[in-house]
C-alpha atoms as a PDB file:
ATOM      1  CA  MET A   1     131.874  81.559  19.229  1.00  0.00           C
ATOM      2  CA  ASP A   2     128.380  80.893  17.049  1.00  0.00           C
ATOM      3  CA  ALA A   3     130.494  78.738  14.609  1.00  0.00           C
ATOM      4  CA  VAL A   4     131.831  76.384  17.637  1.00  0.00           C
ATOM      5  CA  GLU A   5     128.414  76.824  19.909  1.00  0.00           C
ATOM      6  CA  ASP A   6     126.862  75.471  16.294  1.00  0.00           C
ATOM      7  CA  GLN A   7     129.209  72.528  15.956  1.00  0.00           C
ATOM      8  CA  ARG A   8     128.937  71.550  19.881  1.00  0.00           C
ATOM      9  CA  ASP A   9     124.916  71.208  18.882  1.00  0.00           C
ATOM     10  CA  VAL A  10     126.046  69.819  15.962  1.00  0.00           C
ATOM     11  CA  VAL A  11     127.577  66.977  17.667  1.00  0.00           C
ATOM     12  CA  ARG A  12     125.496  66.825  20.306  1.00  0.00           C
ATOM     13  CA  HIS A  13     122.307  66.117  18.239  1.00  0.00           C
ATOM     14  CA  ASN A  14     124.335  63.388  16.078  1.00  0.00           C
ATOM     15  CA  LEU A  15     125.559  61.749  19.921  1.00  0.00           C
ATOM     16  CA  VAL A  16     121.979  61.315  20.615  1.00  0.00           C
ATOM     17  CA  GLU A  17     121.070  59.044  17.812  1.00  0.00           C
ATOM     18  CA  HIS A  18     124.838  56.989  17.706  1.00  0.00           C
ATOM     19  CA  ALA A  19     126.438  57.071  20.869  1.00  0.00           C
ATOM     20  CA  GLY A  20     124.224  54.272  22.545  1.00  0.00           C
ATOM     21  CA  PRO A  21     124.449  51.877  19.587  1.00  0.00           C
ATOM     22  CA  ALA A  22     128.463  52.427  19.431  1.00  0.00           C
ATOM     23  CA  ARG A  23     128.753  51.793  22.825  1.00  0.00           C
ATOM     24  CA  ALA A  24     126.761  48.732  22.561  1.00  0.00           C
ATOM     25  CA  ARG A  25     128.980  47.187  19.401  1.00  0.00           C
ATOM     26  CA  LEU A  26     131.566  47.417  22.038  1.00  0.00           C
ATOM     27  CA  CYS A  27     130.311  45.431  24.561  1.00  0.00           C
ATOM     28  CA  LEU A  28     130.554  48.529  27.327  1.00  0.00           C
ATOM     29  CA  SER A  29     127.789  48.807  29.826  1.00  0.00           C
ATOM     30  CA  LEU A  30     127.337  52.245  30.342  1.00  0.00           C
ATOM     31  CA  ALA A  31     129.968  52.068  33.648  1.00  0.00           C
ATOM     32  CA  ASP A  32     132.669  50.681  32.307  1.00  0.00           C
ATOM     33  CA  ALA A  33     132.486  53.591  28.868  1.00  0.00           C
ATOM     34  CA  ALA A  34     132.257  56.460  31.110  1.00  0.00           C
ATOM     35  CA  ARG A  35     135.074  54.856  33.666  1.00  0.00           C
ATOM     36  CA  LEU A  36     137.178  54.358  30.569  1.00  0.00           C
ATOM     37  CA  ALA A  37     136.341  57.899  28.785  1.00  0.00           C
ATOM     38  CA  HIS A  38     137.138  59.153  31.930  1.00  0.00           C
ATOM     39  CA  LEU A  39     133.509  60.883  32.446  1.00  0.00           C
ATOM     40  CA  ALA A  40     131.333  60.533  34.705  1.00  0.00           C
ATOM     41  CA  PRO A  41     128.360  57.841  34.571  1.00  0.00           C
ATOM     42  CA  GLU A  42     125.642  60.720  34.556  1.00  0.00           C
ATOM     43  CA  VAL A  43     128.028  62.538  31.947  1.00  0.00           C
ATOM     44  CA  VAL A  44     128.010  60.030  29.732  1.00  0.00           C
ATOM     45  CA  VAL A  45     124.188  59.179  29.981  1.00  0.00           C
ATOM     46  CA  ALA A  46     123.392  62.770  28.778  1.00  0.00           C
ATOM     47  CA  ILE A  47     125.181  63.267  26.111  1.00  0.00           C
ATOM     48  CA  GLU A  48     123.221  59.767  24.931  1.00  0.00           C
ATOM     49  CA  ASN A  49     119.895  61.129  25.806  1.00  0.00           C
ATOM     50  CA  GLY A  50     120.446  64.762  24.773  1.00  0.00           C
ATOM     51  CA  SER A  51     119.789  66.360  27.634  1.00  0.00           C
ATOM     52  CA  ASP A  52     123.734  67.181  28.618  1.00  0.00           C
ATOM     53  CA  SER A  53     124.490  71.394  27.671  1.00  0.00           C
ATOM     54  CA  MET A  54     127.654  71.345  29.195  1.00  0.00           C
ATOM     55  CA  ALA A  55     129.728  69.328  28.012  1.00  0.00           C
ATOM     56  CA  THR A  56     132.114  71.173  25.879  1.00  0.00           C
ATOM     57  CA  LEU A  57     133.092  70.693  22.356  1.00  0.00           C
ATOM     58  CA  ALA A  58     136.357  68.456  23.083  1.00  0.00           C
ATOM     59  CA  VAL A  59     134.635  66.409  25.169  1.00  0.00           C
ATOM     60  CA  LEU A  60     132.289  65.640  23.044  1.00  0.00           C
ATOM     61  CA  THR A  61     134.336  65.017  20.447  1.00  0.00           C
ATOM     62  CA  GLU A  62     136.153  63.110  22.568  1.00  0.00           C
ATOM     63  CA  PHE A  63     134.269  61.022  23.589  1.00  0.00           C
ATOM     64  CA  ALA A  64     132.599  60.506  19.871  1.00  0.00           C
ATOM     65  CA  LEU A  65     136.047  59.133  18.821  1.00  0.00           C
ATOM     66  CA  PHE A  66     136.799  56.870  22.298  1.00  0.00           C
ATOM     67  CA  LEU A  67     133.155  55.132  20.449  1.00  0.00           C
ATOM     68  CA  GLY A  68     134.841  54.588  17.599  1.00  0.00           C
ATOM     69  CA  LEU A  69     132.854  57.487  15.825  1.00  0.00           C
ATOM     70  CA  ASN A  70     134.308  60.212  13.617  1.00  0.00           C
ATOM     71  CA  GLU A  71     135.225  63.903  15.131  1.00  0.00           C
ATOM     72  CA  LEU A  72     131.242  64.730  14.397  1.00  0.00           C
ATOM     73  CA  GLY A  73     129.722  62.007  15.969  1.00  0.00           C
ATOM     74  CA  LEU A  74     129.140  60.010  13.213  1.00  0.00           C
ATOM     75  CA  PRO A  75     129.788  56.456  12.308  1.00  0.00           C
ATOM     76  CA  ARG A  76     132.803  55.488  10.411  1.00  0.00           C
ATOM     77  CA  PRO A  77     132.371  54.685   6.616  1.00  0.00           C
ATOM     78  CA  ARG A  78     132.851  50.700   6.477  1.00  0.00           C
ATOM     79  CA  VAL A  79     136.186  49.332   5.047  1.00  0.00           C
ATOM     80  CA  ALA A  80     135.754  48.404   1.291  1.00  0.00           C
ATOM     81  CA  GLY A  81     134.864  44.189   1.791  1.00  0.00           C
ATOM     82  CA  MET A  82     133.755  44.524   5.354  1.00  0.00           C
ATOM     83  CA  GLU A  83     129.699  45.538   4.606  1.00  0.00           C
END
């Protein structure tokens, strides 16, 4: 169970840094992102601020993928020629 908690902490930490900018790149308001991701707006705010200790690893991972990030909440590498 410790491995899952460690993974959750890593994803949560990465989302604090990358979720807000990823949402902005998608031109999504907080309310729209929450609605499309099937989350309460308070949950999205908590994830982006790092104050959410209740979200499961599955919720955090799904939100990261929804924003176009990888499973760890990090930006995906740019495709060659897109730099």
